[in-house]
Amino acid sequence: SRVLELSQEEIGMLTGISRQRVNLALGRLAELNLINIAYQSIRV
């Protein structure tokens, strides 16, 4: 689904990247209007 029930920790588990760094990356992607971030979910 376009709404992914994924936490930052789970994305870190899929990428091998720390949760803190994933958080920064998601913020950047949200600034570019590629995703929207909500609690425990991401909307593409």
All heavy atoms as atom14 arrays in JSON, in Angstrom:
{
  "sequence": "SRVLELSQEEIGMLTGISRQRVNLALGRLAELNLINIAYQSIRV",
  "atom14_mask": [
    [1, 1, 1, 1, 1, 1, 0, 0, 0, 0, 0, 0, 0, 0],
    [1, 1, 1, 1, 1, 1, 1, 1, 1, 1, 1, 0, 0, 0],
    [1, 1, 1, 1, 1, 1, 1, 0, 0, 0, 0, 0, 0, 0],
    [1, 1, 1, 1, 1, 1, 1, 1, 0, 0, 0, 0, 0, 0],
    [1, 1, 1, 1, 1, 1, 1, 1, 1, 0, 0, 0, 0, 0],
    [1, 1, 1, 1, 1, 1, 1, 1, 0, 0, 0, 0, 0, 0],
    [1, 1, 1, 1, 1, 1, 0, 0, 0, 0, 0, 0, 0, 0],
    [1, 1, 1, 1, 1, 1, 1, 1, 1, 0, 0, 0, 0, 0],
    [1, 1, 1, 1, 1, 1, 1, 1, 1, 0, 0, 0, 0, 0],
    [1, 1, 1, 1, 1, 1, 1, 1, 1, 0, 0, 0, 0, 0],
    [1, 1, 1, 1, 1, 1, 1, 1, 0, 0, 0, 0, 0, 0],
    [1, 1, 1, 1, 0, 0, 0, 0, 0, 0, 0, 0, 0, 0],
    [1, 1, 1, 1, 1, 1, 1, 1, 0, 0, 0, 0, 0, 0],
    [1, 1, 1, 1, 1, 1, 1, 1, 0, 0, 0, 0, 0, 0],
    [1, 1, 1, 1, 1, 1, 1, 0, 0, 0, 0, 0, 0, 0],
    [1, 1, 1, 1, 0, 0, 0, 0, 0, 0, 0, 0, 0, 0],
    [1, 1, 1, 1, 1, 1, 1, 1, 0, 0, 0, 0, 0, 0],
    [1, 1, 1, 1, 1, 1, 0, 0, 0, 0, 0, 0, 0, 0],
    [1, 1, 1, 1, 1, 1, 1, 1, 1, 1, 1, 0, 0, 0],
    [1, 1, 1, 1, 1, 1, 1, 1, 1, 0, 0, 0, 0, 0],
    [1, 1, 1, 1, 1, 1, 1, 1, 1, 1, 1, 0, 0, 0],
    [1, 1, 1, 1, 1, 1, 1, 0, 0, 0, 0, 0, 0, 0],
    [1, 1, 1, 1, 1, 1, 1, 1, 0, 0, 0, 0, 0, 0],
    [1, 1, 1, 1, 1, 1, 1, 1, 0, 0, 0, 0, 0, 0],
    [1, 1, 1, 1, 1, 0, 0, 0, 0, 0, 0, 0, 0, 0],
    [1, 1, 1, 1, 1, 1, 1, 1, 0, 0, 0, 0, 0, 0],
    [1, 1, 1, 1, 0, 0, 0, 0, 0, 0, 0, 0, 0, 0],
    [1, 1, 1, 1, 1, 1, 1, 1, 1, 1, 1, 0, 0, 0],
    [1, 1, 1, 1, 1, 1, 1, 1, 0, 0, 0, 0, 0, 0],
    [1, 1, 1, 1, 1, 0, 0, 0, 0, 0, 0, 0, 0, 0],
    [1, 1, 1, 1, 1, 1, 1, 1, 1, 0, 0, 0, 0, 0],
    [1, 1, 1, 1, 1, 1, 1, 1, 0, 0, 0, 0, 0, 0],
    [1, 1, 1, 1, 1, 1, 1, 1, 0, 0, 0, 0, 0, 0],
    [1, 1, 1, 1, 1, 1, 1, 1, 0, 0, 0, 0, 0, 0],
    [1, 1, 1, 1, 1, 1, 1, 1, 0, 0, 0, 0, 0, 0],
    [1, 1, 1, 1, 1, 1, 1, 1, 0, 0, 0, 0, 0, 0],
    [1, 1, 1, 1, 1, 1, 1, 1, 0, 0, 0, 0, 0, 0],
    [1, 1, 1, 1, 1, 0, 0, 0, 0, 0, 0, 0, 0, 0],
    [1, 1, 1, 1, 1, 1, 1, 1, 1, 1, 1, 1, 0, 0],
    [1, 1, 1, 1, 1, 1, 1, 1, 1, 0, 0, 0, 0, 0],
    [1, 1, 1, 1, 1, 1, 0, 0, 0, 0, 0, 0, 0, 0],
    [1, 1, 1, 1, 1, 1, 1, 1, 0, 0, 0, 0, 0, 0],
    [1, 1, 1, 1, 1, 1, 1, 1, 1, 1, 1, 0, 0, 0],
    [1, 1, 1, 1, 1, 1, 1, 0, 0, 0, 0, 0, 0, 0]
  ],
  "atom14_positions": [
    [[0.84, -1.19, 0.0], [0.0, 0.0, 0.0], [0.87, 1.24, 0.0], [2.02, 1.22, 0.46], [-0.9, -0.01, 1.24], [-1.47, 1.25, 1.45], [0.0, 0.0, 0.0], [0.0, 0.0, 0.0], [0.0, 0.0, 0.0], [0.0, 0.0, 0.0], [0.0, 0.0, 0.0], [0.0, 0.0, 0.0], [0.0, 0.0, 0.0], [0.0, 0.0, 0.0]],
    [[0.31, 2.35, -0.52], [1.05, 3.61, -0.51], [1.33, 4.1, 0.91], [2.21, 4.93, 1.11], [0.28, 4.68, -1.29], [0.34, 4.52, -2.81], [1.75, 4.61, -3.34], [1.81, 4.44, -4.78], [2.0, 5.43, -5.65], [2.12, 6.67, -5.21], [2.05, 5.19, -6.94], [0.0, 0.0, 0.0], [0.0, 0.0, 0.0], [0.0, 0.0, 0.0]],
    [[0.57, 3.62, 1.87], [0.84, 3.94, 3.28], [1.54, 2.73, 3.89], [0.94, 1.67, 4.07], [-0.45, 4.28, 4.05], [-0.12, 4.56, 5.51], [-1.15, 5.47, 3.42], [0.0, 0.0, 0.0], [0.0, 0.0, 0.0], [0.0, 0.0, 0.0], [0.0, 0.0, 0.0], [0.0, 0.0, 0.0], [0.0, 0.0, 0.0], [0.0, 0.0, 0.0]],
    [[2.82, 2.88, 4.18], [3.62, 1.81, 4.75], [3.63, 1.92, 6.26], [3.99, 2.97, 6.8], [5.06, 1.88, 4.22], [5.26, 1.71, 2.72], [6.71, 2.03, 2.36], [4.91, 0.3, 2.29], [0.0, 0.0, 0.0], [0.0, 0.0, 0.0], [0.0, 0.0, 0.0], [0.0, 0.0, 0.0], [0.0, 0.0, 0.0], [0.0, 0.0, 0.0]],
    [[3.25, 0.86, 6.93], [3.32, 0.84, 8.39], [4.73, 0.42, 8.79], [4.99, -0.69, 9.23], [2.27, -0.1, 8.96], [0.85, 0.37, 8.7], [-0.18, -0.55, 9.31], [0.21, -1.57, 9.89], [-1.38, -0.23, 9.19], [0.0, 0.0, 0.0], [0.0, 0.0, 0.0], [0.0, 0.0, 0.0], [0.0, 0.0, 0.0], [0.0, 0.0, 0.0]],
    [[5.65, 1.36, 8.62], [7.06, 1.12, 8.89], [7.56, 2.15, 9.89], [7.36, 3.35, 9.72], [7.9, 1.24, 7.61], [7.96, 0.06, 6.65], [8.77, 0.45, 5.42], [8.56, -1.16, 7.31], [0.0, 0.0, 0.0], [0.0, 0.0, 0.0], [0.0, 0.0, 0.0], [0.0, 0.0, 0.0], [0.0, 0.0, 0.0], [0.0, 0.0, 0.0]],
    [[8.23, 1.68, 10.92], [8.87, 2.59, 11.87], [10.28, 2.9, 11.39], [10.84, 2.21, 10.52], [8.91, 1.97, 13.26], [9.79, 0.85, 13.26], [0.0, 0.0, 0.0], [0.0, 0.0, 0.0], [0.0, 0.0, 0.0], [0.0, 0.0, 0.0], [0.0, 0.0, 0.0], [0.0, 0.0, 0.0], [0.0, 0.0, 0.0], [0.0, 0.0, 0.0]],
    [[10.88, 3.93, 11.97], [12.27, 4.25, 11.64], [13.2, 3.09, 12.01], [14.16, 2.81, 11.28], [12.68, 5.52, 12.39], [11.91, 6.76, 11.95], [12.17, 7.95, 12.82], [13.09, 7.95, 13.64], [11.37, 8.99, 12.66], [0.0, 0.0, 0.0], [0.0, 0.0, 0.0], [0.0, 0.0, 0.0], [0.0, 0.0, 0.0], [0.0, 0.0, 0.0]],
    [[12.9, 2.43, 13.1], [13.71, 1.29, 13.51], [13.64, 0.16, 12.48], [14.64, -0.47, 12.15], [13.26, 0.78, 14.87], [14.09, -0.4, 15.39], [13.63, -0.87, 16.75], [12.61, -0.35, 17.26], [14.27, -1.77, 17.31], [0.0, 0.0, 0.0], [0.0, 0.0, 0.0], [0.0, 0.0, 0.0], [0.0, 0.0, 0.0], [0.0, 0.0, 0.0]],
    [[12.43, -0.09, 11.95], [12.27, -1.15, 10.96], [12.99, -0.82, 9.66], [13.6, -1.69, 9.03], [10.78, -1.4, 10.72], [10.09, -2.09, 11.89], [8.59, -2.13, 11.74], [8.02, -1.3, 11.01], [7.97, -3.0, 12.37], [0.0, 0.0, 0.0], [0.0, 0.0, 0.0], [0.0, 0.0, 0.0], [0.0, 0.0, 0.0], [0.0, 0.0, 0.0]],
    [[12.94, 0.44, 9.25], [13.69, 0.84, 8.05], [15.18, 0.66, 8.29], [15.92, 0.22, 7.41], [13.37, 2.29, 7.67], [11.9, 2.41, 7.26], [14.27, 2.77, 6.52], [11.46, 3.83, 6.99], [0.0, 0.0, 0.0], [0.0, 0.0, 0.0], [0.0, 0.0, 0.0], [0.0, 0.0, 0.0], [0.0, 0.0, 0.0], [0.0, 0.0, 0.0]],
    [[15.62, 0.97, 9.51], [17.02, 0.74, 9.86], [17.39, -0.73, 9.76], [18.48, -1.08, 9.29], [0.0, 0.0, 0.0], [0.0, 0.0, 0.0], [0.0, 0.0, 0.0], [0.0, 0.0, 0.0], [0.0, 0.0, 0.0], [0.0, 0.0, 0.0], [0.0, 0.0, 0.0], [0.0, 0.0, 0.0], [0.0, 0.0, 0.0], [0.0, 0.0, 0.0]],
    [[16.48, -1.61, 10.16], [16.74, -3.05, 10.07], [16.83, -3.51, 8.62], [17.59, -4.42, 8.29], [15.64, -3.82, 10.79], [15.64, -3.63, 12.3], [14.23, -4.45, 13.09], [14.65, -6.18, 12.8], [0.0, 0.0, 0.0], [0.0, 0.0, 0.0], [0.0, 0.0, 0.0], [0.0, 0.0, 0.0], [0.0, 0.0, 0.0], [0.0, 0.0, 0.0]],
    [[16.07, -2.87, 7.73], [16.09, -3.25, 6.32], [17.31, -2.7, 5.59], [17.75, -3.28, 4.6], [14.82, -2.75, 5.62], [13.5, -3.38, 6.05], [12.35, -2.74, 5.3], [13.52, -4.89, 5.82], [0.0, 0.0, 0.0], [0.0, 0.0, 0.0], [0.0, 0.0, 0.0], [0.0, 0.0, 0.0], [0.0, 0.0, 0.0], [0.0, 0.0, 0.0]],
    [[17.86, -1.6, 6.09], [18.96, -0.95, 5.39], [20.32, -1.12, 6.07], [21.35, -0.89, 5.44], [18.7, 0.56, 5.26], [18.54, 1.12, 6.58], [17.44, 0.83, 4.45], [0.0, 0.0, 0.0], [0.0, 0.0, 0.0], [0.0, 0.0, 0.0], [0.0, 0.0, 0.0], [0.0, 0.0, 0.0], [0.0, 0.0, 0.0], [0.0, 0.0, 0.0]],
    [[20.31, -1.5, 7.35], [21.56, -1.56, 8.09], [22.05, -0.19, 8.52], [23.22, -0.02, 8.87], [0.0, 0.0, 0.0], [0.0, 0.0, 0.0], [0.0, 0.0, 0.0], [0.0, 0.0, 0.0], [0.0, 0.0, 0.0], [0.0, 0.0, 0.0], [0.0, 0.0, 0.0], [0.0, 0.0, 0.0], [0.0, 0.0, 0.0], [0.0, 0.0, 0.0]],
    [[21.16, 0.79, 8.51], [21.49, 2.17, 8.88], [20.86, 2.48, 10.23], [19.78, 1.98, 10.54], [20.96, 3.15, 7.8], [21.64, 2.83, 6.46], [21.22, 4.59, 8.19], [21.0, 3.54, 5.27], [0.0, 0.0, 0.0], [0.0, 0.0, 0.0], [0.0, 0.0, 0.0], [0.0, 0.0, 0.0], [0.0, 0.0, 0.0], [0.0, 0.0, 0.0]],
    [[21.53, 3.26, 11.04], [21.03, 3.56, 12.38], [19.7, 4.29, 12.32], [19.39, 5.0, 11.34], [22.04, 4.42, 13.15], [22.08, 5.73, 12.62], [0.0, 0.0, 0.0], [0.0, 0.0, 0.0], [0.0, 0.0, 0.0], [0.0, 0.0, 0.0], [0.0, 0.0, 0.0], [0.0, 0.0, 0.0], [0.0, 0.0, 0.0], [0.0, 0.0, 0.0]],
    [[18.89, 4.12, 13.37], [17.58, 4.78, 13.42], [17.72, 6.29, 13.34], [16.92, 6.96, 12.68], [16.86, 4.39, 14.71], [15.44, 4.93, 14.8], [14.82, 4.63, 16.15], [15.53, 5.3, 17.22], [15.38, 6.6, 17.54], [14.53, 7.35, 16.86], [16.07, 7.13, 18.53], [0.0, 0.0, 0.0], [0.0, 0.0, 0.0], [0.0, 0.0, 0.0]],
    [[18.75, 6.85, 14.0], [18.93, 8.29, 13.99], [19.22, 8.8, 12.58], [18.68, 9.82, 12.14], [20.07, 8.68, 14.93], [19.77, 8.46, 16.4], [20.02, 7.02, 16.83], [20.39, 6.16, 16.02], [19.82, 6.75, 18.11], [0.0, 0.0, 0.0], [0.0, 0.0, 0.0], [0.0, 0.0, 0.0], [0.0, 0.0, 0.0], [0.0, 0.0, 0.0]],
    [[20.05, 8.04, 11.85], [20.39, 8.47, 10.48], [19.2, 8.27, 9.54], [18.99, 9.06, 8.61], [21.62, 7.7, 9.99], [22.14, 8.2, 8.64], [22.56, 9.65, 8.73], [22.94, 10.19, 7.43], [22.11, 10.71, 6.53], [20.8, 10.73, 6.79], [22.54, 11.18, 5.39], [0.0, 0.0, 0.0], [0.0, 0.0, 0.0], [0.0, 0.0, 0.0]],
    [[18.43, 7.2, 9.77], [17.21, 6.99, 8.99], [16.26, 8.16, 9.19], [15.63, 8.64, 8.24], [16.54, 5.66, 9.38], [15.11, 5.6, 8.85], [17.34, 4.48, 8.85], [0.0, 0.0, 0.0], [0.0, 0.0, 0.0], [0.0, 0.0, 0.0], [0.0, 0.0, 0.0], [0.0, 0.0, 0.0], [0.0, 0.0, 0.0], [0.0, 0.0, 0.0]],
    [[16.15, 8.64, 10.41], [15.27, 9.77, 10.72], [15.66, 11.0, 9.9], [14.79, 11.69, 9.34], [15.35, 10.09, 12.21], [14.43, 11.23, 12.6], [13.29, 11.29, 12.18], [14.94, 12.16, 13.4], [0.0, 0.0, 0.0], [0.0, 0.0, 0.0], [0.0, 0.0, 0.0], [0.0, 0.0, 0.0], [0.0, 0.0, 0.0], [0.0, 0.0, 0.0]],
    [[16.95, 11.27, 9.8], [17.41, 12.41, 9.01], [17.08, 12.22, 7.52], [16.66, 13.15, 6.85], [18.92, 12.6, 9.2], [19.39, 13.04, 10.58], [20.91, 13.05, 10.64], [18.82, 14.42, 10.91], [0.0, 0.0, 0.0], [0.0, 0.0, 0.0], [0.0, 0.0, 0.0], [0.0, 0.0, 0.0], [0.0, 0.0, 0.0], [0.0, 0.0, 0.0]],
    [[17.29, 11.0, 7.04], [17.01, 10.71, 5.63], [15.52, 10.88, 5.32], [15.14, 11.46, 4.3], [17.48, 9.31, 5.27], [0.0, 0.0, 0.0], [0.0, 0.0, 0.0], [0.0, 0.0, 0.0], [0.0, 0.0, 0.0], [0.0, 0.0, 0.0], [0.0, 0.0, 0.0], [0.0, 0.0, 0.0], [0.0, 0.0, 0.0], [0.0, 0.0, 0.0]],
    [[14.67, 10.38, 6.2], [13.23, 10.51, 5.99], [12.8, 11.98, 5.99], [11.94, 12.39, 5.2], [12.46, 9.74, 7.07], [12.59, 8.22, 7.03], [11.85, 7.61, 8.21], [12.07, 7.65, 5.72], [0.0, 0.0, 0.0], [0.0, 0.0, 0.0], [0.0, 0.0, 0.0], [0.0, 0.0, 0.0], [0.0, 0.0, 0.0], [0.0, 0.0, 0.0]],
    [[13.41, 12.77, 6.86], [13.11, 14.19, 6.89], [13.46, 14.86, 5.57], [12.7, 15.7, 5.06], [0.0, 0.0, 0.0], [0.0, 0.0, 0.0], [0.0, 0.0, 0.0], [0.0, 0.0, 0.0], [0.0, 0.0, 0.0], [0.0, 0.0, 0.0], [0.0, 0.0, 0.0], [0.0, 0.0, 0.0], [0.0, 0.0, 0.0], [0.0, 0.0, 0.0]],
    [[14.59, 14.48, 5.01], [15.01, 15.04, 3.73], [14.04, 14.63, 2.62], [13.63, 15.46, 1.79], [16.42, 14.56, 3.4], [16.94, 14.96, 2.03], [16.94, 16.46, 1.83], [17.52, 16.84, 0.55], [17.34, 18.03, -0.02], [16.61, 18.94, 0.58], [17.9, 18.29, -1.19], [0.0, 0.0, 0.0], [0.0, 0.0, 0.0], [0.0, 0.0, 0.0]],
    [[13.63, 13.36, 2.6], [12.7, 12.89, 1.58], [11.33, 13.57, 1.72], [10.65, 13.83, 0.72], [12.55, 11.37, 1.67], [13.83, 10.56, 1.41], [13.57, 9.07, 1.64], [14.37, 10.81, 0.01], [0.0, 0.0, 0.0], [0.0, 0.0, 0.0], [0.0, 0.0, 0.0], [0.0, 0.0, 0.0], [0.0, 0.0, 0.0], [0.0, 0.0, 0.0]],
    [[10.94, 13.86, 2.96], [9.68, 14.55, 3.19], [9.77, 16.0, 2.7], [8.81, 16.54, 2.13], [9.32, 14.51, 4.68], [0.0, 0.0, 0.0], [0.0, 0.0, 0.0], [0.0, 0.0, 0.0], [0.0, 0.0, 0.0], [0.0, 0.0, 0.0], [0.0, 0.0, 0.0], [0.0, 0.0, 0.0], [0.0, 0.0, 0.0], [0.0, 0.0, 0.0]],
    [[10.91, 16.65, 2.91], [11.1, 18.02, 2.43], [10.96, 18.11, 0.91], [10.51, 19.12, 0.37], [12.48, 18.54, 2.84], [12.63, 18.8, 4.34], [14.05, 19.16, 4.7], [14.92, 19.18, 3.79], [14.3, 19.43, 5.89], [0.0, 0.0, 0.0], [0.0, 0.0, 0.0], [0.0, 0.0, 0.0], [0.0, 0.0, 0.0], [0.0, 0.0, 0.0]],
    [[11.34, 17.03, 0.23], [11.26, 16.98, -1.22], [9.88, 16.53, -1.71], [9.69, 16.33, -2.92], [12.34, 16.04, -1.77], [13.78, 16.48, -1.52], [14.75, 15.37, -1.92], [14.1, 17.76, -2.28], [0.0, 0.0, 0.0], [0.0, 0.0, 0.0], [0.0, 0.0, 0.0], [0.0, 0.0, 0.0], [0.0, 0.0, 0.0], [0.0, 0.0, 0.0]],
    [[8.95, 16.34, -0.77], [7.58, 15.92, -1.09], [7.53, 14.55, -1.78], [6.63, 14.29, -2.59], [6.87, 16.97, -1.95], [6.66, 18.28, -1.22], [6.28, 18.29, -0.05], [6.93, 19.39, -1.9], [0.0, 0.0, 0.0], [0.0, 0.0, 0.0], [0.0, 0.0, 0.0], [0.0, 0.0, 0.0], [0.0, 0.0, 0.0], [0.0, 0.0, 0.0]],
    [[8.47, 13.7, -1.42], [8.44, 12.33, -1.92], [7.63, 11.44, -0.99], [7.01, 10.47, -1.44], [9.87, 11.79, -2.06], [10.77, 12.53, -3.04], [12.18, 11.96, -3.0], [10.2, 12.48, -4.44], [0.0, 0.0, 0.0], [0.0, 0.0, 0.0], [0.0, 0.0, 0.0], [0.0, 0.0, 0.0], [0.0, 0.0, 0.0], [0.0, 0.0, 0.0]],
    [[7.63, 11.76, 0.3], [6.89, 10.99, 1.3], [6.27, 11.94, 2.31], [6.67, 13.1, 2.42], [7.79, 9.98, 2.05], [8.89, 10.73, 2.83], [8.4, 8.96, 1.09], [9.72, 9.83, 3.75], [0.0, 0.0, 0.0], [0.0, 0.0, 0.0], [0.0, 0.0, 0.0], [0.0, 0.0, 0.0], [0.0, 0.0, 0.0], [0.0, 0.0, 0.0]],
    [[5.28, 11.45, 3.04], [4.77, 12.09, 4.24], [5.04, 11.16, 5.42], [4.88, 9.95, 5.29], [3.27, 12.37, 4.14], [2.95, 13.51, 3.2], [3.77, 14.4, 2.97], [1.76, 13.5, 2.62], [0.0, 0.0, 0.0], [0.0, 0.0, 0.0], [0.0, 0.0, 0.0], [0.0, 0.0, 0.0], [0.0, 0.0, 0.0], [0.0, 0.0, 0.0]],
    [[5.43, 11.72, 6.54], [5.78, 10.93, 7.71], [4.72, 11.1, 8.78], [4.33, 12.23, 9.11], [7.15, 11.34, 8.27], [8.24, 11.25, 7.18], [7.54, 10.46, 9.46], [9.56, 11.84, 7.62], [0.0, 0.0, 0.0], [0.0, 0.0, 0.0], [0.0, 0.0, 0.0], [0.0, 0.0, 0.0], [0.0, 0.0, 0.0], [0.0, 0.0, 0.0]],
    [[4.23, 9.99, 9.32], [3.33, 9.99, 10.46], [3.87, 9.0, 11.49], [4.86, 8.32, 11.25], [1.91, 9.62, 10.03], [0.0, 0.0, 0.0], [0.0, 0.0, 0.0], [0.0, 0.0, 0.0], [0.0, 0.0, 0.0], [0.0, 0.0, 0.0], [0.0, 0.0, 0.0], [0.0, 0.0, 0.0], [0.0, 0.0, 0.0], [0.0, 0.0, 0.0]],
    [[3.2, 8.91, 12.62], [3.66, 8.02, 13.67], [3.6, 6.57, 13.18], [2.55, 6.08, 12.79], [2.81, 8.17, 14.93], [3.2, 7.22, 16.04], [4.41, 7.38, 16.72], [2.38, 6.16, 16.39], [4.78, 6.52, 17.72], [2.74, 5.28, 17.39], [3.95, 5.47, 18.06], [4.32, 4.59, 19.06], [0.0, 0.0, 0.0], [0.0, 0.0, 0.0]],
    [[4.73, 5.89, 13.18], [4.85, 4.48, 12.8], [4.39, 4.2, 11.36], [4.06, 3.06, 11.03], [4.04, 3.59, 13.77], [4.5, 3.66, 15.2], [5.83, 2.93, 15.43], [6.2, 2.03, 14.71], [6.55, 3.33, 16.47], [0.0, 0.0, 0.0], [0.0, 0.0, 0.0], [0.0, 0.0, 0.0], [0.0, 0.0, 0.0], [0.0, 0.0, 0.0]],
    [[4.38, 5.22, 10.5], [3.98, 4.97, 9.12], [4.58, 6.03, 8.19], [4.95, 7.12, 8.61], [2.45, 4.96, 8.98], [1.91, 6.24, 9.17], [0.0, 0.0, 0.0], [0.0, 0.0, 0.0], [0.0, 0.0, 0.0], [0.0, 0.0, 0.0], [0.0, 0.0, 0.0], [0.0, 0.0, 0.0], [0.0, 0.0, 0.0], [0.0, 0.0, 0.0]],
    [[4.63, 5.65, 6.92], [5.13, 6.53, 5.87], [4.16, 6.46, 4.7], [3.81, 5.36, 4.26], [6.53, 6.09, 5.4], [7.54, 6.16, 6.54], [7.01, 6.93, 4.21], [8.83, 5.44, 6.24], [0.0, 0.0, 0.0], [0.0, 0.0, 0.0], [0.0, 0.0, 0.0], [0.0, 0.0, 0.0], [0.0, 0.0, 0.0], [0.0, 0.0, 0.0]],
    [[3.74, 7.59, 4.2], [2.9, 7.63, 3.01], [3.75, 8.07, 1.83], [4.37, 9.13, 1.86], [1.72, 8.58, 3.19], [0.8, 8.62, 1.98], [-0.39, 9.52, 2.22], [-1.28, 9.53, 1.07], [-1.15, 10.35, 0.03], [-0.18, 11.24, 0.02], [-2.01, 10.29, -0.97], [0.0, 0.0, 0.0], [0.0, 0.0, 0.0], [0.0, 0.0, 0.0]],
    [[3.8, 7.24, 0.8], [4.58, 7.56, -0.39], [3.74, 8.47, -1.27], [2.67, 8.09, -1.75], [4.99, 6.28, -1.14], [5.7, 6.65, -2.45], [5.9, 5.43, -0.27], [0.0, 0.0, 0.0], [0.0, 0.0, 0.0], [0.0, 0.0, 0.0], [0.0, 0.0, 0.0], [0.0, 0.0, 0.0], [0.0, 0.0, 0.0], [0.0, 0.0, 0.0]]
  ]
}
